[in-house]
């Protein structure tokens, strides 16, 4: 259980809570529990840099909050899929996904995504 006052919450509009990543245009905020992990992304419209990859030990569910995600899922040569606001994708463990283009919304020119991982990924833990 998360104790009150431990800063285990996120509000997409709290701009200062998002940390820059090594990829240009990518900012994130990560909250990790015992069995799952929430990764809140604010990604500049037009950003690229998500190569085809898979998570052998982690299931990933993504919810598009703002903007759109244009990507491939399933195989290297899969048709592109555009996932819009309030839509969800799921990448089961071991399934290729990526080759992404992030389409910004009209207000912030950002794509906001909430990724949920289970079990939590060690490489995303904040500390």
Protein backbone atom coordinates (compact mmCIF):
# COMPACT_ATOMS: atom_id res chain seq x y z
CA UNK A 1 0.00 0.00 0.00
CA UNK A 2 1.21 3.52 -0.82
CA UNK A 3 1.43 5.69 2.26
CA UNK A 4 -0.22 9.13 2.17
CA UNK A 5 2.19 11.96 1.42
CA UNK A 6 4.69 9.81 -0.52
CA UNK A 7 4.18 11.70 -3.80
CA UNK A 8 2.71 8.68 -5.54
CA UNK A 9 0.26 10.56 -7.73
CA UNK A 10 0.44 12.31 -11.08
CA UNK A 11 -1.44 15.08 -12.77
CA UNK A 12 -0.65 15.51 -16.49
CA UNK A 13 -0.98 19.31 -16.15
CA UNK A 14 1.78 19.47 -13.50
CA UNK A 15 4.45 20.41 -16.02
CA UNK A 16 7.25 20.58 -13.43
CA UNK A 17 6.69 16.95 -12.36
CA UNK A 18 7.84 15.62 -15.73
CA UNK A 19 11.52 14.86 -16.25
CA UNK A 20 13.37 15.14 -19.55
CA UNK A 21 14.67 11.86 -20.95
CA UNK A 22 17.64 11.13 -23.22
CA UNK A 23 15.28 11.15 -26.22
CA UNK A 24 14.56 14.69 -27.52
CA UNK A 25 10.96 15.72 -26.93
CA UNK A 26 10.22 12.94 -24.40
CA UNK A 27 9.31 13.77 -20.79
CA UNK A 28 7.94 11.33 -18.24
CA UNK A 29 6.73 10.76 -14.70
CA UNK A 30 6.83 7.22 -13.29
CA UNK A 31 4.90 5.80 -10.35
CA UNK A 32 5.77 2.26 -9.29
CA UNK A 33 3.72 -0.03 -7.08
CA UNK A 34 4.35 -3.59 -5.99
CA UNK A 35 2.74 -5.27 -9.02
CA UNK A 36 2.34 -2.55 -11.64
CA UNK A 37 3.91 0.62 -12.90
CA UNK A 38 2.43 3.78 -14.40
CA UNK A 39 4.53 5.77 -16.85
CA UNK A 40 2.99 9.13 -17.76
CA UNK A 41 4.49 10.50 -21.00
CA UNK A 42 4.33 14.00 -22.46
CA UNK A 43 5.90 13.74 -25.92
CA UNK A 44 6.38 16.63 -28.35
CA UNK A 45 4.32 16.33 -31.55
CA UNK A 46 6.39 14.96 -34.42
CA UNK A 47 8.89 13.27 -32.11
CA UNK A 48 10.31 9.96 -33.26
CA UNK A 49 12.81 7.60 -31.74
CA UNK A 50 10.75 4.63 -30.69
CA UNK A 51 12.27 1.66 -32.48
CA UNK A 52 10.64 -1.76 -32.78
CA UNK A 53 11.12 -3.55 -29.48
CA UNK A 54 9.46 -5.99 -27.11
CA UNK A 55 9.31 -6.62 -23.40
CA UNK A 56 9.83 -10.33 -22.79
CA UNK A 57 8.83 -10.14 -19.13
CA UNK A 58 6.36 -7.23 -19.09
CA UNK A 59 2.86 -6.69 -20.40
CA UNK A 60 2.18 -3.11 -21.55
CA UNK A 61 -1.13 -1.32 -21.87
CA UNK A 62 -1.16 2.21 -23.28
CA UNK A 63 -3.93 4.81 -23.03
CA UNK A 64 -3.75 7.84 -25.33
CA UNK A 65 -4.87 10.86 -23.32
CA UNK A 66 -4.05 13.65 -25.84
CA UNK A 67 -2.90 13.58 -29.44
CA UNK A 68 -2.34 10.37 -31.38
CA UNK A 69 0.17 7.54 -31.64
CA UNK A 70 1.05 6.26 -35.13
CA UNK A 71 2.97 2.99 -34.70
CA UNK A 72 3.37 -0.68 -35.57
CA UNK A 73 2.45 -3.60 -33.35
CA UNK A 74 2.84 -7.33 -33.92
CA UNK A 75 5.64 -7.71 -36.50
CA UNK A 76 8.42 -5.59 -38.05
CA UNK A 77 6.40 -5.24 -41.26
CA UNK A 78 2.97 -4.79 -39.64
CA UNK A 79 0.70 -2.13 -41.09
CA UNK A 80 0.81 1.17 -39.23
CA UNK A 81 -1.98 1.78 -36.70
CA UNK A 82 -3.11 5.20 -35.46
CA UNK A 83 -4.43 5.19 -31.90
CA UNK A 84 -6.28 8.36 -30.89
CA UNK A 85 -7.44 10.08 -27.73
CA UNK A 86 -9.26 7.82 -25.27
CA UNK A 87 -8.15 4.73 -27.18
CA UNK A 88 -6.06 1.88 -25.80
CA UNK A 89 -3.45 -0.51 -27.14
CA UNK A 90 -2.02 -3.59 -25.49
CA UNK A 91 1.38 -5.16 -26.14
CA UNK A 92 1.52 -8.55 -24.44
CA UNK A 93 4.89 -9.81 -23.24
CA UNK A 94 7.11 -10.70 -26.19
CA UNK A 95 5.11 -8.79 -28.84
CA UNK A 96 7.02 -6.34 -31.04
CA UNK A 97 5.82 -2.73 -31.09
CA UNK A 98 7.24 0.70 -31.86
CA UNK A 99 8.48 2.57 -34.96
CA UNK A 100 6.32 5.33 -33.48
CA UNK A 101 5.46 8.84 -34.59
CA UNK A 102 3.81 10.97 -31.93
CA UNK A 103 1.12 13.36 -33.17
CA UNK A 104 0.57 16.38 -30.96
CA UNK A 105 -2.82 17.74 -29.96
CA UNK A 106 -4.06 21.20 -30.98
CA UNK A 107 -3.54 22.83 -27.56
CA UNK A 108 -0.07 21.66 -26.37
CA UNK A 109 1.32 20.03 -29.54
CA UNK A 110 2.05 17.00 -27.35
CA UNK A 111 0.99 13.38 -27.24
CA UNK A 112 0.10 12.32 -23.69
CA UNK A 113 0.25 8.60 -23.02
CA UNK A 114 -0.28 6.62 -19.85
CA UNK A 115 1.63 3.32 -20.13
CA UNK A 116 0.89 0.62 -17.58
CA UNK A 117 3.46 -2.16 -17.10
CA UNK A 118 3.11 -5.35 -15.16
CA UNK A 119 5.28 -6.38 -13.50
CA UNK A 120 7.16 -3.09 -13.01
CA UNK A 121 10.24 -2.45 -15.16
CA UNK A 122 13.45 -1.83 -13.20
CA UNK A 123 14.79 0.51 -15.93
CA UNK A 124 11.85 2.90 -15.39
CA UNK A 125 11.95 3.10 -11.60
CA UNK A 126 12.46 6.61 -10.29
CA UNK A 127 14.87 6.90 -7.48
